[in-house]
Amino acid sequence: MNEVEFKWRPVLFVAALGFVLHLTSAVAGHYGYFIDEFYYLACARHLAWGYIDHPPLAPAVLALVSETLGTSKLAVRLLPALCGVAVVLLTGRLASRFGASAGGQILAAVGTTLIPTLLVLFGVFTTNAFDILLWIVALSLLFELEMGRTPRIWIVLGLVLGLAQMTKHTAFTLALAMALATVVTPLRRHYRTRWPWLGAGVALLVVMPNIVWEVHHDWITLEFARNATLNKNLSLAPGQVLLRQVLFGNPGSLPMWLGGLVLLLSGKTHGAGRAVGFTCLLLLAAAVSTGQARPDRIVAIFPVLLAAGACLWTKLAHVKRGRAYQALAAAVVVLPGLALLPLFAPVLSAEVTSAWGATLGLEVQIERGPGKVASLPQWLADRFGWPEYTNDVTRAVEQARDRLTERQQKDLVIITNSYGHAGALELFGRGLPPVYSTHNNYVLWGPPDHEVDAAIITGEDAESLGELFGHIELLAVHGCDYCTAWRDRMPIWLVSNPRMDLSAHWMDLRHIE
């Protein structure tokens, strides 16, 4: 196939529609901040070269945003939404490079916009939005190398892979898959030149500060990864993982991206594309074989495969020569995506979304345990209840101060078992005592700088607290409609008379996953 002109205007129009969709929840009053956004805002206030559960790039970007635009939902979610625009444009551009017609480019752009996982990840601030964009840039550069462009692209590729690794720890799987894919394709001849090695050196240089941080903190991220695998992430059979990838990638797009994978592996995109195809295949095979159920890990391959699949759509549309066929092919991609949209983007009220999810009867839980169950999908459920929680804790603090001595009032602290709850109190709370948490990187920002004689503690059970304090008193129980189960009926305790020095045993209390 020959490369065709990139129809950037209609593709940009599709990207703009996606941009508006991603920012819907930022201006809609019924959905609040997502739980992880509180945590990333906290990380942005504690800039470092690393964090227990992610590298430093995303918090650094958010720190710049919060300093210039503030911490409103709109400000926080602006850059992820713009990443979504860039991904759609890159997908359309890739489709044209592969040889797709204008219609194929538009279909690839629409298909990418309606990928359910991307509807979530470009609509909130996490590391994922930036990670996905960098992955697609890297795969695009790999295709350019296959097309015989200047080998200096290896240096740019190394920079992009380094930035991806500084965004999310799992980016090393992309680099590994690329390395294996290039070995089994004609690109292996490049390893006899200096360019791939220079690119690897650039990547290493970029990630070195984070490596130094990990060494200084005894590779604590490995503890996070181990605990998340054992206690948090769903472990499924290979067939179930594949079905999850199809569901979270839009079932209607399956023929298109599967055809795109075949086309890339065959090298029929200008005699190139095998390295990109093998990279995508290796990543998909790894996810399936390891029982990795989280759909966000390899979602970046699907826009690339859709771009390649648009070439087959173009070829078949040319053979069939009928608008009816083109409309049918587009409907197969678009209609299932529209049906799933309310479950992945906050476009409807919680009541209607919950009812729609029950009607479809789909299993969309991505983390294990009964505590992660809700009438809404977790990525929507964890946007409810934060102001109410802050108000409940504020009232509890006021009650506690009536029961404490003057010194205890002065030294009172709040300790939560979740980074989201700690971050919400820091963002919404006014006049509250200092907030601490034993969850993930919050544990490194503690312990309190004085001996804890009294504290407000949320989320723990009475038995656990009884081992740490001589006096515990239940002040309130926070309720939350539509939340995941673990956040509903959350106890708020006043504790005092510690049985041990919490500061000395702070790291023993850590909760990392």
Protein backbone atom coordinates (compact mmCIF):
# COMPACT_ATOMS: atom_id res chain seq x y z
CA MET A 1 0.00 0.00 0.00
CA ASN A 2 1.11 3.52 -0.69
CA GLU A 3 1.11 6.22 1.92
CA VAL A 4 -1.79 8.60 1.49
CA GLU A 5 -2.25 12.16 2.61
CA PHE A 6 -2.99 12.60 6.30
CA LYS A 7 -6.45 14.11 6.60
CA TRP A 8 -5.67 15.96 9.78
CA ARG A 9 -8.72 18.22 9.85
CA PRO A 10 -11.40 15.50 10.25
CA VAL A 11 -9.11 13.53 12.56
CA LEU A 12 -8.57 16.66 14.65
CA PHE A 13 -12.34 17.13 14.77
CA VAL A 14 -12.72 13.59 16.19
CA ALA A 15 -9.92 14.32 18.67
CA ALA A 16 -11.66 17.53 19.74
CA LEU A 17 -14.88 15.63 20.42
CA GLY A 18 -12.87 13.24 22.56
CA PHE A 19 -11.27 16.17 24.36
CA VAL A 20 -14.69 17.53 25.30
CA LEU A 21 -15.78 14.08 26.41
CA HIS A 22 -12.71 13.59 28.61
CA LEU A 23 -13.32 16.90 30.37
CA THR A 24 -17.02 16.22 30.94
CA SER A 25 -16.52 15.08 34.51
CA ALA A 26 -14.33 18.08 35.28
CA VAL A 27 -17.29 20.41 34.86
CA ALA A 28 -20.10 18.02 35.81
CA GLY A 29 -21.14 18.54 39.41
CA HIS A 30 -22.21 14.98 40.25
CA TYR A 31 -18.76 13.37 39.85
CA GLY A 32 -15.84 14.54 41.97
CA TYR A 33 -12.10 13.95 42.05
CA PHE A 34 -10.90 10.41 41.42
CA ILE A 35 -9.17 8.83 44.44
CA ASP A 36 -5.74 8.70 42.77
CA GLU A 37 -5.88 12.39 41.88
CA PHE A 38 -5.67 13.33 45.56
CA TYR A 39 -2.55 11.18 45.83
CA TYR A 40 -0.86 12.66 42.77
CA LEU A 41 -1.57 16.15 44.05
CA ALA A 42 0.12 15.15 47.31
CA CYS A 43 3.09 13.77 45.36
CA ALA A 44 3.26 17.05 43.45
CA ARG A 45 3.67 18.81 46.80
CA HIS A 46 6.52 16.44 47.72
CA LEU A 47 8.66 16.41 44.58
CA ALA A 48 11.32 13.72 44.49
CA TRP A 49 13.20 11.56 42.00
CA GLY A 50 10.97 8.65 42.81
CA TYR A 51 7.94 7.36 44.67
CA ILE A 52 7.12 3.92 45.99
CA ASP A 53 4.50 3.18 43.35
CA HIS A 54 5.50 5.32 40.38
CA PRO A 55 8.40 7.29 38.88
CA PRO A 56 8.70 11.08 39.20
CA LEU A 57 7.62 12.56 35.86
CA ALA A 58 3.83 12.77 36.28
CA PRO A 59 3.95 14.46 39.72
CA ALA A 60 6.49 16.95 38.37
CA VAL A 61 4.12 17.82 35.52
CA LEU A 62 1.21 18.13 37.94
CA ALA A 63 3.26 20.40 40.20
CA LEU A 64 3.76 22.75 37.25
CA VAL A 65 0.04 22.62 36.44
CA SER A 66 -1.06 23.25 40.02
CA GLU A 67 1.34 26.17 40.39
CA THR A 68 0.09 27.84 37.21
CA LEU A 69 -3.55 26.77 36.81
CA GLY A 70 -4.52 25.66 40.30
CA THR A 71 -5.92 22.37 41.56
CA SER A 72 -9.46 22.42 40.21
CA LYS A 73 -10.72 19.28 38.45
CA LEU A 74 -10.52 21.13 35.13
CA ALA A 75 -6.91 22.16 35.69
CA VAL A 76 -5.84 18.73 36.93
CA ARG A 77 -7.45 16.89 34.01
CA LEU A 78 -6.48 19.27 31.23
CA LEU A 79 -3.18 17.60 30.31
CA PRO A 80 -4.55 14.02 30.33
CA ALA A 81 -7.32 15.19 27.97
CA LEU A 82 -4.71 16.81 25.72
CA CYS A 83 -2.79 13.53 25.74
CA GLY A 84 -5.97 11.96 24.41
CA VAL A 85 -6.04 14.50 21.57
CA ALA A 86 -2.41 13.73 20.72
CA VAL A 87 -3.06 9.97 20.72
CA VAL A 88 -6.00 10.29 18.33
CA LEU A 89 -3.95 12.51 16.00
CA LEU A 90 -1.04 10.06 16.12
CA THR A 91 -3.40 7.20 15.34
CA GLY A 92 -4.75 9.00 12.29
CA ARG A 93 -1.23 9.87 11.19
CA LEU A 94 -0.10 6.27 11.60
CA ALA A 95 -3.09 5.08 9.58
CA SER A 96 -2.04 7.35 6.73
CA ARG A 97 1.56 6.11 7.00
CA PHE A 98 0.28 2.55 6.80
CA GLY A 99 -1.78 3.44 3.71
CA ALA A 100 -5.32 3.96 5.00
CA SER A 101 -7.71 6.20 3.10
CA ALA A 102 -9.31 9.29 4.60
CA GLY A 103 -12.27 7.17 5.71
CA GLY A 104 -9.94 4.65 7.28
CA GLN A 105 -8.05 7.36 9.14
CA ILE A 106 -11.28 8.76 10.53
CA LEU A 107 -12.52 5.31 11.55
CA ALA A 108 -9.23 4.60 13.32
CA ALA A 109 -9.53 7.93 15.13
CA VAL A 110 -13.13 7.25 16.16
CA GLY A 111 -12.25 3.71 17.23
CA THR A 112 -9.41 5.01 19.38
CA THR A 113 -11.62 7.66 20.98
CA LEU A 114 -14.13 4.96 21.95
CA ILE A 115 -11.64 2.51 23.46
CA PRO A 116 -13.23 2.07 26.91
CA THR A 117 -9.94 2.02 28.83
CA LEU A 118 -8.82 5.25 27.17
CA LEU A 119 -12.13 6.89 28.07
CA VAL A 120 -11.14 6.37 31.70
CA LEU A 121 -7.44 7.15 31.50
CA PHE A 122 -7.69 10.39 29.52
CA GLY A 123 -10.47 11.62 31.81
CA VAL A 124 -8.52 11.66 35.10
CA PHE A 125 -4.98 12.49 36.16
CA THR A 126 -2.78 9.43 36.59
CA THR A 127 0.53 8.32 35.13
CA ASN A 128 -1.34 6.39 32.43
CA ALA A 129 -2.28 9.23 30.06
CA PHE A 130 1.35 10.27 29.59
CA ASP A 131 2.53 6.67 29.48
CA ILE A 132 0.11 5.75 26.69
CA LEU A 133 1.14 8.75 24.60
CA LEU A 134 4.84 7.92 24.98
CA TRP A 135 4.25 4.28 24.05
CA ILE A 136 2.49 5.24 20.82
CA VAL A 137 5.24 7.74 19.98
CA ALA A 138 7.81 4.98 20.55
CA LEU A 139 5.97 2.50 18.32
CA SER A 140 5.63 5.20 15.64
CA LEU A 141 9.39 5.80 15.76
CA LEU A 142 10.02 2.07 15.47
CA PHE A 143 7.94 2.01 12.29
CA GLU A 144 9.93 4.92 10.90
CA LEU A 145 13.11 2.93 11.49
CA GLU A 146 11.56 0.01 9.63
CA MET A 147 10.78 2.37 6.78
CA GLY A 148 14.48 3.12 6.44
CA ARG A 149 14.52 6.59 7.98
CA THR A 150 17.72 7.94 9.47
CA PRO A 151 19.15 5.63 12.16
CA ARG A 152 19.53 8.69 14.37
CA ILE A 153 15.90 8.01 15.27
CA TRP A 154 17.31 5.44 17.71
CA ILE A 155 18.48 8.31 19.89
CA VAL A 156 15.02 9.88 19.90
CA LEU A 157 13.52 6.47 20.59
CA GLY A 158 15.86 6.05 23.55
CA LEU A 159 14.77 9.43 24.89
CA VAL A 160 11.09 8.53 24.54
CA LEU A 161 11.56 5.14 26.20
CA GLY A 162 13.49 6.80 29.02
CA LEU A 163 10.69 9.31 29.56
CA ALA A 164 8.16 6.46 29.49
CA GLN A 165 10.12 4.66 32.19
CA MET A 166 10.19 7.88 34.22
CA THR A 167 6.40 7.96 33.87
CA LYS A 168 5.44 4.39 34.73
CA HIS A 169 7.56 1.46 35.88
CA THR A 170 5.91 -1.00 33.50
CA ALA A 171 7.37 0.83 30.49
CA PHE A 172 10.38 -1.49 30.66
CA THR A 173 8.10 -4.20 29.17
CA LEU A 174 7.73 -2.08 26.02
CA ALA A 175 11.51 -1.64 25.73
CA LEU A 176 12.04 -5.38 26.23
CA ALA A 177 9.38 -6.31 23.67
CA MET A 178 10.91 -3.88 21.17
CA ALA A 179 14.37 -5.33 21.72
CA LEU A 180 13.11 -8.88 21.12
CA ALA A 181 11.04 -7.81 18.10
CA THR A 182 13.97 -6.07 16.41
CA VAL A 183 16.15 -9.14 16.87
CA VAL A 184 13.77 -11.29 14.78
CA THR A 185 13.26 -8.68 12.04
CA PRO A 186 15.61 -7.02 9.55
CA LEU A 187 16.16 -4.18 12.04
CA ARG A 188 18.69 -6.43 13.79
CA ARG A 189 21.28 -5.21 11.32
CA HIS A 190 21.20 -1.89 13.15
CA TYR A 191 22.82 -3.53 16.16
CA ARG A 192 26.05 -3.58 14.19
CA THR A 193 25.99 0.23 14.25
CA ARG A 194 26.36 2.63 17.14
CA TRP A 195 22.86 4.11 16.94
CA PRO A 196 20.79 1.61 18.98
CA TRP A 197 23.47 1.64 21.68
CA LEU A 198 23.50 5.41 21.78
CA GLY A 199 19.73 5.31 22.15
CA ALA A 200 20.04 2.83 25.01
CA GLY A 201 22.59 5.11 26.65
CA VAL A 202 20.23 8.08 26.39
CA ALA A 203 17.43 6.02 27.96
CA LEU A 204 19.69 4.94 30.81
CA LEU A 205 20.79 8.53 31.37
CA VAL A 206 17.17 9.68 31.61
CA VAL A 207 16.16 7.03 34.15
CA MET A 208 19.37 7.16 36.24
CA PRO A 209 17.99 9.62 38.86
CA ASN A 210 15.10 7.27 39.56
CA ILE A 211 17.48 4.31 39.78
CA VAL A 212 19.57 6.21 42.33
CA TRP A 213 16.39 6.95 44.30
CA GLU A 214 15.46 3.26 44.27
CA VAL A 215 18.92 2.27 45.49
CA HIS A 216 18.69 4.84 48.29
CA HIS A 217 15.29 3.42 49.30
CA ASP A 218 16.34 -0.26 49.08
CA TRP A 219 14.29 -0.88 45.92
CA ILE A 220 11.05 -0.42 47.84
CA THR A 221 9.10 -0.36 44.56
CA LEU A 222 9.68 -4.12 44.31
CA GLU A 223 7.73 -4.53 47.55
CA PHE A 224 4.90 -2.50 46.03
CA ALA A 225 4.87 -4.63 42.87
CA ARG A 226 4.93 -7.87 44.83
CA ASN A 227 2.13 -6.83 47.18
CA ALA A 228 -0.02 -5.49 44.33
CA THR A 229 0.33 -8.78 42.48
CA LEU A 230 -0.50 -10.87 45.55
CA ASN A 231 -3.19 -8.76 47.18
CA LYS A 232 -4.65 -6.27 44.73
CA ASN A 233 -4.61 -7.20 41.05
CA LEU A 234 -7.03 -9.82 39.79
CA SER A 235 -5.39 -13.02 38.64
CA LEU A 236 -7.30 -14.68 35.81
CA ALA A 237 -6.91 -17.59 33.43
CA PRO A 238 -5.36 -16.71 30.05
CA GLY A 239 -8.67 -16.96 28.25
CA GLN A 240 -10.32 -14.62 30.73
CA VAL A 241 -7.50 -12.11 30.38
CA LEU A 242 -7.92 -12.13 26.61
CA LEU A 243 -11.66 -11.60 26.96
CA ARG A 244 -10.98 -8.67 29.32
CA GLN A 245 -8.64 -7.12 26.78
CA VAL A 246 -11.33 -7.45 24.11
CA LEU A 247 -14.00 -5.98 26.39
CA PHE A 248 -11.90 -3.05 27.63
CA GLY A 249 -10.59 -2.45 24.12
CA ASN A 250 -14.14 -2.33 22.63
CA PRO A 251 -15.43 -5.69 21.30
CA GLY A 252 -16.58 -4.04 18.10
CA SER A 253 -12.98 -3.10 17.28
CA LEU A 254 -11.74 -6.70 17.57
CA PRO A 255 -11.90 -7.54 13.84
CA MET A 256 -10.22 -4.25 13.00
CA TRP A 257 -7.28 -4.45 15.43
CA LEU A 258 -6.84 -8.18 14.92
CA GLY A 259 -6.65 -7.59 11.18
CA GLY A 260 -4.20 -4.79 11.83
CA LEU A 261 -1.97 -7.15 13.81
CA VAL A 262 -1.98 -9.67 10.97
CA LEU A 263 -1.21 -6.93 8.46
CA LEU A 264 1.77 -5.67 10.49
CA LEU A 265 3.16 -9.16 11.04
CA SER A 266 2.93 -9.82 7.31
CA GLY A 267 4.98 -6.69 6.59
CA LYS A 268 2.51 -5.50 3.97
CA THR A 269 2.66 -1.89 5.08
CA HIS A 270 5.31 -0.74 2.61
CA GLY A 271 7.25 -3.94 3.30
CA ALA A 272 7.62 -2.83 6.91
CA GLY A 273 5.75 -3.09 10.18
CA ARG A 274 6.94 -6.50 11.37
CA ALA A 275 8.89 -5.10 14.32
CA VAL A 276 5.85 -3.07 15.41
CA GLY A 277 3.60 -6.10 14.94
CA PHE A 278 5.90 -8.43 16.87
CA THR A 279 6.19 -5.88 19.67
CA CYS A 280 2.41 -5.70 20.00
CA LEU A 281 2.08 -9.48 19.79
CA LEU A 282 4.71 -10.02 22.49
CA LEU A 283 3.02 -7.54 24.81
CA LEU A 284 -0.38 -9.14 24.28
CA ALA A 285 1.05 -12.64 24.76
CA ALA A 286 2.82 -11.57 27.96
CA ALA A 287 -0.37 -10.08 29.39
CA VAL A 288 -2.36 -13.20 28.58
CA SER A 289 0.21 -15.75 29.72
CA THR A 290 0.94 -14.04 33.04
CA GLY A 291 -2.73 -13.67 33.93
CA GLN A 292 -2.39 -9.88 33.98
CA ALA A 293 -5.99 -8.70 34.23
CA ARG A 294 -5.46 -4.95 34.40
CA PRO A 295 -6.52 -3.51 31.04
CA ASP A 296 -4.35 -0.40 31.26
CA ARG A 297 -1.02 -2.26 31.04
CA ILE A 298 -0.94 -2.72 27.25
CA VAL A 299 -3.83 -0.55 26.06
CA ALA A 300 -1.40 1.63 24.06
CA ILE A 301 -1.00 -1.11 21.44
CA PHE A 302 -4.65 -0.93 20.38
CA PRO A 303 -4.59 2.50 18.69
CA VAL A 304 -1.56 1.32 16.69
CA LEU A 305 -3.34 -1.88 15.69
CA LEU A 306 -6.47 0.09 14.79
CA ALA A 307 -4.36 2.33 12.56
CA ALA A 308 -3.07 -0.77 10.76
CA GLY A 309 -6.54 -2.28 10.64
CA ALA A 310 -7.76 0.87 8.91
CA CYS A 311 -5.64 -0.19 5.93
CA LEU A 312 -7.58 -3.44 5.60
CA TRP A 313 -10.81 -1.50 5.97
CA THR A 314 -9.65 0.78 3.15
CA LYS A 315 -8.78 -2.17 0.92
CA LEU A 316 -12.07 -3.98 1.55
CA ALA A 317 -14.05 -0.79 1.08
CA HIS A 318 -12.31 -0.31 -2.27
CA VAL A 319 -13.14 -3.86 -3.32
CA LYS A 320 -16.76 -3.69 -2.21
CA ARG A 321 -17.22 -0.19 -3.64
CA GLY A 322 -20.29 0.48 -1.56
CA ARG A 323 -21.24 3.07 1.00
CA ALA A 324 -23.46 0.49 2.67
CA TYR A 325 -20.43 -1.69 3.38
CA GLN A 326 -18.47 1.25 4.72
CA ALA A 327 -21.35 2.27 6.97
CA LEU A 328 -21.74 -1.30 8.25
CA ALA A 329 -18.03 -1.62 9.00
CA ALA A 330 -18.06 1.68 10.86
CA ALA A 331 -21.18 0.71 12.81
CA VAL A 332 -19.51 -2.51 13.99
CA VAL A 333 -16.77 -0.41 15.59
CA VAL A 334 -18.82 2.55 16.81
CA LEU A 335 -22.03 1.07 18.23
CA PRO A 336 -20.48 -1.25 20.85
CA GLY A 337 -18.18 1.62 21.87
CA LEU A 338 -21.18 3.90 22.37
CA ALA A 339 -22.99 1.20 24.35
CA LEU A 340 -20.02 0.87 26.73
CA LEU A 341 -19.32 4.61 26.95
CA PRO A 342 -21.54 5.34 30.00
CA LEU A 343 -19.68 2.72 32.05
CA PHE A 344 -16.28 4.26 31.33
CA ALA A 345 -16.96 8.00 31.05
CA PRO A 346 -19.13 9.99 33.49
CA VAL A 347 -21.65 11.15 30.93
CA LEU A 348 -24.76 10.02 32.82
CA SER A 349 -25.87 10.30 36.42
CA ALA A 350 -24.79 7.65 38.90
CA GLU A 351 -28.34 6.27 39.09
CA VAL A 352 -28.67 5.85 35.32
CA THR A 353 -25.13 4.52 34.93
CA SER A 354 -25.69 1.95 37.66
CA ALA A 355 -28.92 0.80 35.99
CA TRP A 356 -27.24 0.64 32.57
CA GLY A 357 -24.41 -1.45 33.97
CA ALA A 358 -26.91 -3.87 35.49
CA THR A 359 -28.72 -4.09 32.16
CA LEU A 360 -25.52 -4.96 30.27
CA GLY A 361 -24.49 -7.44 32.97
CA LEU A 362 -20.76 -7.03 32.31
CA GLU A 363 -18.05 -7.88 34.83
CA VAL A 364 -15.79 -4.83 35.01
CA GLN A 365 -14.16 -5.24 38.43
CA ILE A 366 -10.38 -4.90 37.98
CA GLU A 367 -9.15 -5.35 41.55
CA ARG A 368 -9.70 -8.29 43.85
CA GLY A 369 -11.72 -8.41 47.03
CA PRO A 370 -15.30 -7.72 48.14
CA GLY A 371 -14.22 -4.24 49.21
CA LYS A 372 -13.79 -3.22 45.58
CA VAL A 373 -17.38 -4.05 44.67
CA ALA A 374 -19.86 -1.25 43.92
CA SER A 375 -22.96 -0.61 41.84
CA LEU A 376 -20.72 1.53 39.63
CA PRO A 377 -17.38 0.57 38.07
CA GLN A 378 -14.51 1.38 40.43
CA TRP A 379 -13.17 4.25 38.27
CA LEU A 380 -16.55 5.99 38.69
CA ALA A 381 -17.37 4.86 42.22
CA ASP A 382 -14.12 6.31 43.57
CA ARG A 383 -15.22 9.82 42.57
CA PHE A 384 -17.94 10.01 45.23
CA GLY A 385 -17.97 10.94 48.89
CA TRP A 386 -14.82 12.99 49.35
CA PRO A 387 -16.29 16.31 50.59
CA GLU A 388 -18.63 14.37 52.87
CA TYR A 389 -15.73 12.37 54.28
CA THR A 390 -13.81 15.57 54.95
CA ASN A 391 -16.81 17.06 56.72
CA ASP A 392 -17.25 13.94 58.87
CA VAL A 393 -13.59 14.01 59.91
CA THR A 394 -13.77 17.75 60.61
CA ARG A 395 -16.72 17.20 62.95
CA ALA A 396 -14.87 14.32 64.61
CA VAL A 397 -11.87 16.57 65.23
CA GLU A 398 -14.15 19.14 66.87
CA GLN A 399 -15.63 16.43 69.11
CA ALA A 400 -12.18 15.10 69.98
CA ARG A 401 -10.87 18.48 71.09
CA ASP A 402 -13.59 18.60 73.77
CA ARG A 403 -12.26 15.33 75.20
CA LEU A 404 -8.50 16.00 75.11
CA THR A 405 -6.08 17.86 77.32
CA GLU A 406 -4.56 21.07 76.05
CA ARG A 407 -1.30 19.31 75.16
CA GLN A 408 -3.14 16.49 73.36
CA GLN A 409 -5.12 19.05 71.36
CA LYS A 410 -1.90 20.76 70.33
CA ASP A 411 -0.21 17.52 69.23
CA LEU A 412 -3.31 15.89 67.70
CA VAL A 413 -2.77 14.29 64.27
CA ILE A 414 -4.96 12.50 61.71
CA ILE A 415 -3.86 9.13 60.35
CA THR A 416 -5.62 7.37 57.48
CA ASN A 417 -5.10 3.94 55.94
CA SER A 418 -5.51 5.24 52.38
CA TYR A 419 -3.60 7.80 50.33
CA GLY A 420 -6.86 8.97 48.78
CA HIS A 421 -8.40 9.82 52.14
CA ALA A 422 -5.24 11.55 53.30
CA GLY A 423 -5.05 13.55 50.09
CA ALA A 424 -8.73 14.51 50.25
CA LEU A 425 -8.29 15.87 53.79
CA GLU A 426 -5.25 17.87 52.69
CA LEU A 427 -7.08 19.32 49.68
CA PHE A 428 -10.51 19.96 51.19
CA GLY A 429 -9.78 20.27 54.90
CA ARG A 430 -9.55 23.63 56.62
CA GLY A 431 -8.02 24.05 60.06
CA LEU A 432 -7.43 20.32 60.51
CA PRO A 433 -4.48 18.80 62.39
CA PRO A 434 -1.56 17.47 60.30
CA VAL A 435 -2.54 14.50 58.13
CA TYR A 436 -0.48 11.32 57.86
CA SER A 437 -0.99 7.94 56.26
CA THR A 438 0.75 4.58 56.23
CA HIS A 439 -0.26 3.92 52.63
CA ASN A 440 2.33 3.86 49.82
CA ASN A 441 4.48 6.99 49.55
CA TYR A 442 2.70 8.70 52.43
CA VAL A 443 4.64 6.40 54.72
CA LEU A 444 7.86 8.11 53.56
CA TRP A 445 6.41 11.52 54.42
CA GLY A 446 5.95 10.44 58.04
CA PRO A 447 6.15 9.79 60.85
CA PRO A 448 4.85 12.75 62.90
CA ASP A 449 7.70 14.83 64.25
CA HIS A 450 6.53 14.29 67.83
CA GLU A 451 5.32 11.42 69.94
CA VAL A 452 1.68 10.68 69.16
CA ASP A 453 -0.37 10.78 72.35
CA ALA A 454 -3.75 11.22 70.63
CA ALA A 455 -4.94 10.86 67.06
CA ILE A 456 -7.96 10.70 64.80
CA ILE A 457 -7.68 7.48 62.81
CA THR A 458 -9.97 6.46 59.94
CA GLY A 459 -10.49 3.15 58.23
CA GLU A 460 -8.93 0.80 60.78
CA ASP A 461 -10.76 -1.80 62.88
CA ALA A 462 -11.04 -1.75 66.67
CA GLU A 463 -8.98 -4.90 67.16
CA SER A 464 -5.96 -3.52 65.28
CA LEU A 465 -6.15 -0.18 67.07
CA GLY A 466 -6.46 -1.92 70.45
CA GLU A 467 -2.98 -3.35 69.92
CA LEU A 468 -1.56 0.15 69.50
CA PHE A 469 -3.56 2.34 71.91
CA GLY A 470 -4.92 1.93 75.39
CA HIS A 471 -8.01 4.02 74.66
CA ILE A 472 -10.13 3.94 71.50
CA GLU A 473 -13.45 5.68 70.98
CA LEU A 474 -15.72 5.57 67.94
CA LEU A 475 -16.69 9.14 67.04
CA ALA A 476 -18.49 8.62 63.73
CA VAL A 477 -19.09 6.27 60.83
CA HIS A 478 -18.71 7.76 57.36
CA GLY A 479 -21.25 6.55 54.81
CA CYS A 480 -20.89 6.92 51.07
CA ASP A 481 -23.47 6.26 48.36
CA TYR A 482 -22.17 4.64 45.16
CA CYS A 483 -18.66 4.17 46.60
CA THR A 484 -16.74 0.92 46.54
CA ALA A 485 -17.63 -1.18 49.58
CA TRP A 486 -14.42 -0.59 51.52
CA ARG A 487 -15.07 3.17 51.59
CA ASP A 488 -18.62 2.87 52.88
CA ARG A 489 -19.32 2.58 56.62
CA MET A 490 -15.80 3.77 57.43
CA PRO A 491 -15.17 4.22 61.17
CA ILE A 492 -13.60 7.40 62.51
CA TRP A 493 -11.82 6.83 65.81
CA LEU A 494 -10.31 8.91 68.57
CA VAL A 495 -7.34 7.05 70.06
CA SER A 496 -4.98 7.91 72.90
CA ASN A 497 -2.61 6.36 75.45
CA PRO A 498 -0.27 4.69 72.92
CA ARG A 499 1.21 1.32 73.85
CA MET A 500 4.32 2.04 71.78
CA ASP A 501 6.17 4.91 70.13
CA LEU A 502 4.49 5.13 66.71
CA SER A 503 7.36 7.13 65.25
CA ALA A 504 9.83 4.38 66.10
CA HIS A 505 7.61 1.70 64.55
CA TRP A 506 6.20 3.79 61.68
CA MET A 507 7.65 1.72 58.84
CA ASP A 508 6.39 -1.47 60.48
CA LEU A 509 2.85 -0.12 60.05
CA ARG A 510 3.24 0.57 56.33
CA HIS A 511 0.60 -0.55 53.86
CA ILE A 512 2.18 -0.75 50.41
CA GLU A 513 0.24 -2.04 47.40
